[in-house]
Amino acid sequence: MDSTFVPQPGEPFAGPLSGEPRRPLGPRDPGDAWVDGGRGRFWGRFGSAGLLVHDAAKGVLLQHRALWSDQGGTWGLPGGALHEGEEAIQGALREAQEEAAVPPGHVRVLFTSVFDVGYWSYTTVAVQVIELFEPAISDPESLELQWVPVDQVRDKELHPGFAASWPALRRRLLGMETGMETGIETESATGTEAH
């Protein structure tokens, strides 16, 4: 049976629930909840999304996740729980702006990749930088932000879900650079973990 814990909207979060990592104090969105089911436990009552920001000269923007977060200390994408009714692309752009100061108007969507377990999904939204910007830690969910050359991403200690999906995402990004792929495409992945 699938289940979720849902905090009361606007209620300050005073401390971790049993088995849940510590989070900063502040209002919670109803989407900020764990979802449990037959394929595991995932963050985001309405699903989650992350932004894979690519700059041809710098590489991809990675977030060193805060130690208190799930899989803390690993590297992944800025992202998080979707709000109720929020589309994945908008959610990924919002989360990346909140966590890494990525200006939505400075990037262009290339493609999306969806990991869906039936009761929960994670959408990676790949974007290309079209106007230069400097990312900045803008909330407590990051230890560090770093532009990492595409060929060096695997050298980082990656979040397990991102590590599983990176080879296919890398191929698609490189295909976009060489013109082998065009337009916005969506694919479903069922054999990887969420990030």
Protein backbone atom coordinates (compact mmCIF):
# COMPACT_ATOMS: atom_id res chain seq x y z
CA MET A 1 0.00 0.00 0.00
CA ASP A 2 1.26 3.46 -0.88
CA SER A 3 1.37 6.07 1.87
CA THR A 4 2.49 9.62 2.44
CA PHE A 5 3.15 11.87 5.39
CA VAL A 6 1.73 15.32 4.74
CA PRO A 7 2.57 18.30 6.97
CA GLN A 8 -0.10 20.94 7.49
CA PRO A 9 0.27 23.76 4.91
CA GLY A 10 2.16 26.73 6.31
CA GLU A 11 3.10 24.81 9.46
CA PRO A 12 6.71 25.36 10.59
CA PHE A 13 8.79 22.24 10.60
CA ALA A 14 10.22 21.91 14.08
CA GLY A 15 12.36 18.83 13.66
CA PRO A 16 12.77 15.50 11.93
CA LEU A 17 10.11 12.87 12.04
CA SER A 18 11.18 9.36 12.83
CA GLY A 19 13.51 8.22 10.05
CA GLU A 20 13.45 11.58 8.28
CA PRO A 21 16.51 13.83 7.86
CA ARG A 22 16.74 17.18 9.65
CA ARG A 23 15.49 20.10 7.60
CA PRO A 24 15.62 23.84 8.22
CA LEU A 25 12.75 25.51 10.01
CA GLY A 26 10.14 27.11 7.82
CA PRO A 27 6.79 26.59 6.12
CA ARG A 28 6.32 23.36 4.22
CA ASP A 29 4.50 22.80 0.96
CA PRO A 30 2.02 19.89 0.92
CA GLY A 31 4.26 18.29 -1.73
CA ASP A 32 7.11 18.06 0.79
CA ALA A 33 6.42 14.51 1.92
CA TRP A 34 7.78 11.00 1.54
CA VAL A 35 5.85 8.55 -0.62
CA ASP A 36 6.16 4.83 0.19
CA GLY A 37 5.23 1.95 -2.06
CA GLY A 38 6.32 -1.35 -3.51
CA ARG A 39 9.31 0.17 -5.36
CA GLY A 40 10.62 2.10 -2.35
CA ARG A 41 10.42 5.41 -0.56
CA PHE A 42 10.68 8.64 -2.54
CA TRP A 43 10.59 12.36 -1.75
CA GLY A 44 7.78 14.46 -3.19
CA ARG A 45 4.10 13.69 -2.73
CA PHE A 46 3.37 14.96 -6.26
CA GLY A 47 6.65 13.73 -7.75
CA SER A 48 9.99 15.49 -8.01
CA ALA A 49 12.08 17.15 -10.70
CA GLY A 50 15.65 18.30 -11.16
CA LEU A 51 17.39 20.64 -13.57
CA LEU A 52 20.38 19.38 -15.57
CA VAL A 53 21.98 22.70 -16.56
CA HIS A 54 24.49 22.39 -19.40
CA ASP A 55 26.93 25.04 -20.58
CA ALA A 56 29.02 23.90 -23.55
CA ALA A 57 32.09 25.74 -22.20
CA LYS A 58 31.75 24.86 -18.49
CA GLY A 59 29.99 21.50 -18.34
CA VAL A 60 27.03 20.69 -16.11
CA LEU A 61 25.99 22.37 -12.88
CA LEU A 62 26.12 19.95 -9.94
CA GLN A 63 24.93 20.44 -6.39
CA HIS A 64 26.85 18.98 -3.45
CA ARG A 65 23.89 17.96 -1.29
CA ALA A 66 23.63 19.08 2.34
CA LEU A 67 24.56 16.35 4.81
CA TRP A 68 21.12 16.40 6.44
CA SER A 69 19.37 15.65 3.12
CA ASP A 70 18.55 12.20 1.78
CA GLN A 71 21.82 10.84 0.32
CA GLY A 72 23.55 13.87 1.85
CA GLY A 73 27.14 14.51 0.84
CA THR A 74 26.61 13.20 -2.68
CA TRP A 75 26.49 15.25 -5.89
CA GLY A 76 23.30 15.63 -7.91
CA LEU A 77 21.06 18.13 -9.62
CA PRO A 78 19.33 21.13 -8.09
CA GLY A 79 15.73 20.01 -7.71
CA GLY A 80 13.09 18.71 -5.39
CA ALA A 81 9.45 18.05 -4.68
CA LEU A 82 6.82 19.35 -7.07
CA HIS A 83 3.95 21.45 -5.80
CA GLU A 84 0.40 20.19 -6.31
CA GLY A 85 -0.59 20.72 -9.95
CA GLU A 86 2.89 21.95 -10.93
CA GLU A 87 4.31 20.75 -14.24
CA ALA A 88 7.73 19.11 -14.01
CA ILE A 89 9.52 21.67 -16.18
CA GLN A 90 8.20 24.57 -14.10
CA GLY A 91 9.01 22.69 -10.87
CA ALA A 92 12.59 21.96 -11.94
CA LEU A 93 13.12 25.60 -12.95
CA ARG A 94 11.62 26.81 -9.65
CA GLU A 95 13.72 24.43 -7.54
CA ALA A 96 16.95 25.32 -9.39
CA GLN A 97 16.24 29.02 -8.91
CA GLU A 98 15.52 28.45 -5.19
CA GLU A 99 18.59 26.26 -4.58
CA ALA A 100 21.19 27.53 -7.03
CA ALA A 101 19.96 30.93 -8.28
CA VAL A 102 19.55 29.61 -11.83
CA PRO A 103 17.58 32.32 -13.70
CA PRO A 104 14.83 30.57 -15.74
CA GLY A 105 15.18 33.12 -18.55
CA HIS A 106 18.86 32.23 -19.00
CA VAL A 107 18.26 28.62 -20.04
CA ARG A 108 16.43 26.76 -22.84
CA VAL A 109 14.81 23.36 -22.39
CA LEU A 110 16.49 20.61 -24.43
CA PHE A 111 14.68 17.46 -23.29
CA THR A 112 13.14 15.69 -20.34
CA SER A 113 13.70 12.19 -19.00
CA VAL A 114 11.17 10.59 -16.65
CA PHE A 115 11.68 7.82 -14.09
CA ASP A 116 8.21 6.56 -13.14
CA VAL A 117 7.39 3.83 -10.62
CA GLY A 118 3.62 4.24 -10.97
CA TYR A 119 2.91 5.99 -7.67
CA TRP A 120 5.79 8.47 -7.96
CA SER A 121 7.97 9.98 -10.71
CA TYR A 122 11.14 12.01 -11.10
CA THR A 123 11.67 14.20 -14.15
CA THR A 124 15.12 15.35 -15.21
CA VAL A 125 14.78 18.54 -17.22
CA ALA A 126 17.89 19.14 -19.34
CA VAL A 127 18.52 22.76 -20.27
CA GLN A 128 21.14 24.66 -22.24
CA VAL A 129 22.55 27.95 -20.93
CA ILE A 130 21.65 30.70 -23.42
CA GLU A 131 22.76 33.65 -21.29
CA LEU A 132 25.68 33.40 -18.88
CA PHE A 133 25.03 33.48 -15.13
CA GLU A 134 26.85 32.54 -11.95
CA PRO A 135 25.06 30.01 -9.78
CA ALA A 136 24.88 30.79 -6.08
CA ILE A 137 23.84 28.79 -3.05
CA SER A 138 20.50 30.35 -2.20
CA ASP A 139 19.12 27.95 0.40
CA PRO A 140 20.52 25.48 2.96
CA GLU A 141 20.19 22.40 0.72
CA SER A 142 23.64 22.78 -0.84
CA LEU A 143 27.18 22.45 0.50
CA GLU A 144 28.60 23.60 -2.81
CA LEU A 145 27.67 24.25 -6.44
CA GLN A 146 30.14 23.47 -9.19
CA TRP A 147 30.37 23.47 -12.97
CA VAL A 148 31.79 20.06 -13.85
CA PRO A 149 33.04 19.10 -17.33
CA VAL A 150 30.79 16.41 -18.82
CA ASP A 151 33.64 13.88 -18.92
CA GLN A 152 34.40 14.41 -15.21
CA VAL A 153 30.90 14.04 -13.75
CA ARG A 154 31.47 10.32 -13.03
CA ASP A 155 34.51 11.25 -10.92
CA LYS A 156 32.23 12.77 -8.27
CA GLU A 157 30.45 10.76 -5.57
CA LEU A 158 27.06 10.95 -7.26
CA HIS A 159 23.62 10.51 -5.74
CA PRO A 160 22.74 6.87 -6.63
CA GLY A 161 19.75 7.87 -8.77
CA PHE A 162 21.74 10.43 -10.70
CA ALA A 163 24.63 7.97 -11.11
CA ALA A 164 22.24 5.42 -12.62
CA SER A 165 20.71 7.89 -15.06
CA TRP A 166 23.87 9.86 -15.95
CA PRO A 167 25.13 7.61 -18.80
CA ALA A 168 21.88 8.00 -20.79
CA LEU A 169 21.58 11.70 -19.94
CA ARG A 170 25.21 12.25 -21.00
CA ARG A 171 24.61 10.54 -24.36
CA ARG A 172 21.57 12.73 -24.99
CA LEU A 173 23.43 15.93 -24.03
CA LEU A 174 26.35 15.07 -26.28
CA GLY A 175 23.91 14.18 -29.06
CA MET A 176 22.35 17.63 -28.71
CA GLU A 177 25.81 19.24 -29.01
CA THR A 178 26.58 17.36 -32.22
CA GLY A 179 23.13 17.88 -33.71
CA MET A 180 22.21 14.21 -33.45
CA GLU A 181 19.11 15.10 -31.42
CA THR A 182 16.76 18.00 -31.93
CA GLY A 183 13.74 19.38 -30.14
CA ILE A 184 12.14 18.66 -26.81
CA GLU A 185 11.64 14.97 -26.23
CA THR A 186 10.37 12.98 -23.32
CA GLU A 187 11.42 9.46 -22.46
CA SER A 188 10.35 7.17 -19.68
CA ALA A 189 12.94 5.21 -17.77
CA THR A 190 11.90 2.35 -15.55
CA GLY A 191 15.19 0.77 -14.52
CA THR A 192 16.96 3.64 -12.77
CA GLU A 193 16.70 5.24 -9.37
CA ALA A 194 15.41 8.71 -8.60
CA HIS A 195 17.68 11.64 -7.78
